[in-house]
Protein backbone atom coordinates (compact mmCIF):
# COMPACT_ATOMS: atom_id res chain seq x y z
CA MET A 1 -0.53 -4.84 13.36
CA LYS A 2 2.40 -6.89 14.50
CA PHE A 3 5.85 -5.29 14.44
CA LEU A 4 8.39 -7.72 12.92
CA GLY A 5 11.58 -5.66 13.15
CA ASN A 6 13.43 -2.92 11.34
CA PHE A 7 14.90 -3.52 7.88
CA LYS A 8 16.15 -0.02 7.12
CA ASN A 9 19.30 -1.40 5.51
CA TRP A 10 17.05 -2.89 2.80
CA ILE A 11 16.06 0.63 1.67
CA THR A 12 18.80 1.67 -0.74
CA ALA A 13 19.53 5.31 -1.51
CA GLU A 14 18.91 4.54 -5.20
CA LEU A 15 15.45 3.07 -4.52
CA LEU A 16 14.40 5.91 -2.23
CA GLU A 17 15.66 8.61 -4.62
CA THR A 18 13.86 6.93 -7.55
CA LEU A 19 10.57 6.89 -5.63
CA LEU A 20 10.96 10.48 -4.44
CA ILE A 21 11.71 12.01 -7.86
CA ASN A 22 9.21 9.94 -9.90
CA ASP A 23 5.47 9.72 -9.42
CA GLY A 24 5.25 6.20 -10.83
CA ASP A 25 1.81 5.28 -12.11
CA LEU A 26 -0.82 7.84 -11.14
CA THR A 27 -3.62 5.56 -9.96
CA PRO A 28 -7.26 6.54 -9.39
CA VAL A 29 -8.59 5.84 -5.91
CA TYR A 30 -11.81 4.48 -7.40
CA GLN A 31 -11.25 1.61 -9.84
CA PRO A 32 -14.70 0.23 -10.67
CA GLU A 33 -13.39 -2.52 -12.96
CA LYS A 34 -11.92 -4.20 -9.86
CA TRP A 35 -15.13 -3.95 -7.84
CA ARG A 36 -18.21 -4.22 -10.05
CA ASN A 37 -20.12 -7.48 -10.56
CA ASN A 38 -18.51 -9.18 -7.58
CA PRO A 39 -20.90 -9.73 -4.65
CA ASP A 40 -18.00 -9.87 -2.16
CA PHE A 41 -17.09 -6.28 -3.06
CA ASP A 42 -20.53 -4.68 -3.46
CA GLU A 43 -20.85 -3.27 0.06
CA ALA A 44 -17.45 -1.56 -0.13
CA ARG A 45 -18.01 -0.34 -3.70
CA ILE A 46 -21.39 1.16 -2.83
CA ALA A 47 -19.93 2.90 0.25
CA VAL A 48 -17.12 4.44 -1.83
CA GLU A 49 -19.59 5.58 -4.51
CA LYS A 50 -21.99 7.10 -1.96
CA ALA A 51 -19.11 9.00 -0.37
CA GLY A 52 -18.37 10.66 -3.71
CA TYR A 53 -14.94 9.20 -4.51
CA PRO A 54 -15.78 8.17 -8.11
CA SER A 55 -15.48 11.82 -9.13
CA GLY A 56 -12.07 11.07 -10.66
CA ASN A 57 -10.30 13.77 -8.65
CA HIS A 58 -8.57 11.41 -6.20
CA HIS A 59 -5.31 9.70 -7.18
CA PHE A 60 -2.19 8.25 -5.57
CA CYS A 61 1.22 7.19 -6.90
CA GLN A 62 1.79 3.46 -7.29
CA TYR A 63 4.87 1.55 -8.41
CA THR A 64 5.22 -2.12 -9.41
CA LYS A 65 7.98 -4.06 -11.10
CA GLU A 66 6.41 -2.93 -14.40
CA THR A 67 6.66 0.78 -13.54
CA GLU A 68 9.14 2.40 -15.90
CA CYS A 69 11.33 4.06 -13.27
CA LEU A 70 11.83 0.76 -11.40
CA LYS A 71 12.60 -1.51 -14.35
CA ASN A 72 16.39 -1.21 -14.00
CA LEU A 73 16.44 -1.74 -10.23
CA ASP A 74 16.99 -5.20 -8.74
CA ILE A 75 14.34 -5.16 -6.02
CA GLN A 76 14.44 -8.12 -3.66
CA MET A 77 12.03 -8.37 -0.75
CA PRO A 78 13.34 -7.64 2.77
CA ILE A 79 12.16 -11.00 4.18
CA PRO A 80 12.32 -14.59 2.90
CA LEU A 81 9.13 -15.40 1.02
CA GLU A 82 9.30 -19.18 1.39
CA ARG A 83 7.34 -21.02 -1.30
CA LYS A 84 4.42 -18.61 -1.45
CA ASP A 85 3.36 -16.60 -4.42
CA HIS A 86 3.62 -12.90 -3.82
CA HIS A 87 3.29 -9.49 -5.28
CA TRP A 88 4.56 -6.17 -4.07
CA TRP A 89 4.00 -2.52 -4.81
CA PHE A 90 5.09 0.82 -3.46
CA ILE A 91 2.63 3.57 -2.63
CA LYS A 92 3.65 7.23 -2.52
CA LEU A 93 1.20 9.76 -1.24
CA ASN A 94 2.28 13.28 -1.98
CA PRO A 95 0.88 15.99 0.30
CA GLY A 96 -2.89 16.07 -0.12
CA GLN A 97 -3.22 12.58 -1.63
CA MET A 98 -5.24 9.85 0.05
CA GLN A 99 -6.91 6.48 -0.19
CA PRO A 100 -10.29 6.21 1.56
CA MET A 101 -11.16 3.27 3.79
CA HIS A 102 -11.16 0.14 1.63
CA PHE A 103 -9.94 -3.43 1.44
CA ASP A 104 -7.73 -4.74 -1.33
CA PRO A 105 -9.63 -7.13 -3.64
CA HIS A 106 -6.72 -9.52 -4.14
CA VAL A 107 -6.81 -10.65 -0.50
CA LYS A 108 -10.27 -12.13 -1.05
CA LEU A 109 -9.23 -13.79 -4.31
CA THR A 110 -6.16 -15.62 -2.94
CA LYS A 111 -5.62 -18.35 -0.34
CA ASN A 112 -3.90 -17.82 3.01
CA CYS A 113 -2.88 -14.26 2.21
CA ILE A 114 -0.48 -12.49 4.56
CA ARG A 115 -0.03 -8.72 4.23
CA TYR A 116 2.98 -6.64 5.17
CA THR A 117 3.55 -2.89 5.26
CA MET A 118 6.89 -1.10 5.53
CA PRO A 119 7.33 2.68 5.58
CA LEU A 120 10.38 3.87 3.65
CA LEU A 121 10.49 7.20 5.48
CA ASP A 122 10.20 8.02 9.18
CA TYR A 123 6.78 8.97 10.54
CA GLN A 124 5.87 12.63 10.34
CA PRO A 125 2.79 14.28 11.81
CA GLY A 126 0.25 14.24 9.00
CA HIS A 127 1.18 10.77 7.71
CA VAL A 128 -2.00 8.92 8.63
CA PHE A 129 -2.57 5.16 8.26
CA VAL A 130 -5.66 3.54 9.76
CA GLU A 131 -6.39 -0.19 9.79
CA ASP A 132 -9.80 -0.96 11.27
CA ASN A 133 -9.58 0.95 14.59
CA PHE A 134 -5.77 1.03 14.72
CA LEU A 135 -3.77 4.19 13.94
CA LEU A 136 -0.12 3.55 13.02
CA THR A 137 2.20 6.31 14.25
CA ASP A 138 5.76 6.82 15.48
CA TYR A 139 7.26 4.33 13.04
CA LYS A 140 10.76 4.48 11.58
CA ALA A 141 11.86 3.91 8.00
CA GLY A 142 12.27 0.15 7.56
CA ASP A 143 9.86 -0.93 10.30
CA LEU A 144 8.04 -3.99 8.98
CA PHE A 145 4.50 -4.76 10.11
CA GLU A 146 2.32 -7.79 9.49
CA TRP A 147 -1.40 -7.13 9.30
CA ASP A 148 -3.66 -8.86 11.81
CA ARG A 149 -6.22 -9.48 9.07
CA PRO A 150 -5.23 -9.05 5.41
CA ASP A 151 -8.80 -8.23 4.40
CA SER A 152 -9.32 -5.48 6.98
CA TYR A 153 -10.55 -2.05 5.99
CA HIS A 154 -7.75 0.48 5.87
CA GLY A 155 -7.12 3.96 4.59
CA VAL A 156 -4.29 6.43 4.33
CA VAL A 157 -3.90 10.17 3.87
CA ASN A 158 -0.99 12.55 3.73
CA ILE A 159 -1.73 15.92 5.28
CA SER A 160 1.95 16.66 5.96
CA MET A 161 4.29 18.75 3.83
CA ASN A 162 6.38 15.77 2.66
CA PRO A 163 5.77 12.53 0.73
CA ARG A 164 4.73 9.32 2.49
CA ILE A 165 6.16 6.15 0.89
CA THR A 166 5.49 2.52 1.81
CA LEU A 167 6.20 -0.96 0.53
CA GLN A 168 3.12 -3.17 0.38
CA LEU A 169 3.70 -6.92 0.16
CA SER A 170 1.21 -9.77 -0.08
CA VAL A 171 2.18 -13.44 0.05
CA TYR A 172 -0.32 -16.23 -0.57
CA ASP A 173 -0.60 -19.89 -1.53
CA SER A 174 -0.94 -20.99 -5.15
CA ASP A 175 -4.11 -22.72 -6.21
């Protein structure tokens, strides 16, 4: 991951408070409708199924511009997005929530995708993010990172006593 700078001033108190007090859209870790019947995803889908994640007991909190608690906030991205299409989402992992190692399907379905990650809270022991063989630690709220490979396997878990919140941003070329 490439560190691009700190954009803590982008994180407003209103945004952070909204994310902390609302759980957004409770999203299952295993979403078979995104993975089935696509040969590019079969290996990852089968690995997740064999590991037992389809049990339905694993969820995380996700927020998009359609999430009810964010609809009245004017959320602009912290960096210029040029002429690329993009989408963003926030992920909150409450203590005990996780996402197993996976890749995000949209990066294989778009052209020239670039991925960014920004924590909205300072690192705490127990906030675990792994991308391939890289473990991200000691970050500060607002640190912006560009992924080396947008389609890399990654996973996250929160074994701390406090929420872990990140902005996820993907930019890509239109067809």
